[in-house]
């Protein structure tokens, strides 16, 4: 009687543990886990991954834009350390102003 009770309880316990995986769920790829019954991140993980990749792409766009803008010749033309006289000489050398205007502005800067 005692042996039958132990055997019956062992069979019931084993059946209930194996049945916890779900009825009809046998073979590889079933059971709890990322693709199972909610133990993974689910839709939140998908949305979070999409936000992550969008942030990476936006960061790359801003980085490329910054590199393009900072390497334009106009950005390198007038530096903060250039003096007014240096800028005046560059404008005269490029032909933006004539000799008379250059001399007038030179005198004004020296005063």
Protein backbone atom coordinates (compact mmCIF):
# COMPACT_ATOMS: atom_id res chain seq x y z
CA UNK A 1 0.00 0.00 0.00
CA UNK A 2 2.79 2.39 0.92
CA UNK A 3 4.68 1.50 -2.27
CA UNK A 4 1.56 2.07 -4.40
CA UNK A 5 0.96 5.47 -2.78
CA UNK A 6 4.56 6.55 -3.45
CA UNK A 7 4.39 5.33 -7.04
CA UNK A 8 1.05 7.06 -7.67
CA UNK A 9 2.23 10.35 -6.19
CA UNK A 10 5.47 10.16 -8.19
CA UNK A 11 3.53 9.58 -11.41
CA UNK A 12 1.13 12.43 -10.67
CA UNK A 13 3.96 14.77 -9.70
CA UNK A 14 5.92 13.92 -12.85
CA UNK A 15 2.83 14.36 -15.01
CA UNK A 16 2.01 17.73 -13.48
CA UNK A 17 5.58 19.00 -13.94
CA UNK A 18 5.70 17.92 -17.57
CA UNK A 19 2.18 19.23 -18.18
CA UNK A 20 3.29 22.68 -16.95
CA UNK A 21 4.91 23.20 -20.34
CA UNK A 22 1.46 23.23 -21.90
CA UNK A 23 -0.67 20.61 -23.53
CA UNK A 24 0.56 19.48 -26.89
CA UNK A 25 3.81 21.44 -26.63
CA UNK A 26 6.46 18.92 -27.47
CA UNK A 27 9.70 19.09 -29.38
CA UNK A 28 12.31 21.79 -29.79
CA UNK A 29 11.45 25.47 -29.72
CA UNK A 30 8.46 25.30 -27.40
CA UNK A 31 8.12 26.29 -23.82
CA UNK A 32 8.99 29.36 -21.79
CA UNK A 33 11.55 31.71 -23.15
CA UNK A 34 11.85 34.65 -25.47
CA UNK A 35 9.35 33.29 -27.99
CA UNK A 36 7.19 31.54 -25.41
CA UNK A 37 4.63 32.92 -23.01
CA UNK A 38 5.81 36.42 -22.22
CA UNK A 39 9.14 35.78 -20.52
CA UNK A 40 10.95 37.85 -23.14
CA UNK A 41 10.55 41.56 -23.81
CA UNK A 42 7.75 41.09 -26.36
CA UNK A 43 6.58 44.19 -28.21
CA UNK A 44 8.46 46.48 -25.85
CA UNK A 45 11.74 44.95 -27.00
CA UNK A 46 10.81 45.45 -30.64
CA UNK A 47 9.90 49.09 -30.07
CA UNK A 48 13.02 49.68 -28.00
CA UNK A 49 15.22 48.18 -30.74
CA UNK A 50 13.53 50.36 -33.39
CA UNK A 51 14.11 53.49 -31.27
CA UNK A 52 17.74 52.47 -30.77
CA UNK A 53 18.42 52.10 -34.51
CA UNK A 54 16.57 55.31 -35.36
CA UNK A 55 18.73 57.16 -32.81
CA UNK A 56 21.88 55.65 -34.38
CA UNK A 57 20.79 56.74 -37.87
CA UNK A 58 19.87 60.27 -36.73
CA UNK A 59 23.25 60.54 -34.98
CA UNK A 60 25.04 59.48 -38.17
CA UNK A 61 23.10 62.05 -40.22
CA UNK A 62 24.06 64.84 -37.81
CA UNK A 63 27.69 63.69 -37.78
CA UNK A 64 27.90 63.65 -41.58
CA UNK A 65 26.20 67.06 -41.78
CA UNK A 66 28.64 68.53 -39.25
CA UNK A 67 31.63 67.16 -41.17
CA UNK A 68 30.34 68.54 -44.49
CA UNK A 69 29.56 71.99 -43.06
CA UNK A 70 32.84 72.28 -41.16
CA UNK A 71 34.94 71.42 -44.23
CA UNK A 72 33.37 74.01 -46.55
CA UNK A 73 35.77 76.74 -47.68
CA UNK A 74 33.47 79.47 -46.32
CA UNK A 75 33.79 77.99 -42.85
CA UNK A 76 37.59 78.15 -43.03
CA UNK A 77 37.78 81.62 -44.57
CA UNK A 78 37.55 83.96 -41.59
CA UNK A 79 38.95 82.54 -38.39
CA UNK A 80 38.42 84.19 -35.04
CA UNK A 81 42.16 84.66 -34.61
CA UNK A 82 42.43 86.61 -37.90
CA UNK A 83 42.90 90.29 -37.32
CA UNK A 84 40.91 92.92 -39.18
CA UNK A 85 44.02 93.78 -41.20
CA UNK A 86 44.41 90.14 -42.31
CA UNK A 87 40.79 90.01 -43.45
CA UNK A 88 41.24 93.31 -45.31
CA UNK A 89 44.34 91.96 -47.08
CA UNK A 90 42.52 88.79 -48.08
CA UNK A 91 39.60 90.78 -49.53
CA UNK A 92 42.02 92.95 -51.51
CA UNK A 93 43.88 89.89 -52.78
CA UNK A 94 40.64 88.29 -53.98
CA UNK A 95 39.64 91.49 -55.77
CA UNK A 96 36.59 92.22 -53.65
CA UNK A 97 37.82 95.78 -53.01
CA UNK A 98 40.01 98.09 -55.08
CA UNK A 99 43.27 99.78 -54.06
CA UNK A 100 41.62 103.06 -53.06
CA UNK A 101 39.11 101.36 -50.76
CA UNK A 102 41.91 99.18 -49.33
CA UNK A 103 44.01 102.24 -48.47
CA UNK A 104 41.02 104.01 -46.86
CA UNK A 105 40.17 101.05 -44.69
CA UNK A 106 43.84 100.47 -43.82
CA UNK A 107 44.15 104.05 -42.58
CA UNK A 108 40.93 103.69 -40.59
CA UNK A 109 42.23 100.50 -38.93
CA UNK A 110 45.60 102.03 -38.06
CA UNK A 111 43.98 105.06 -36.41
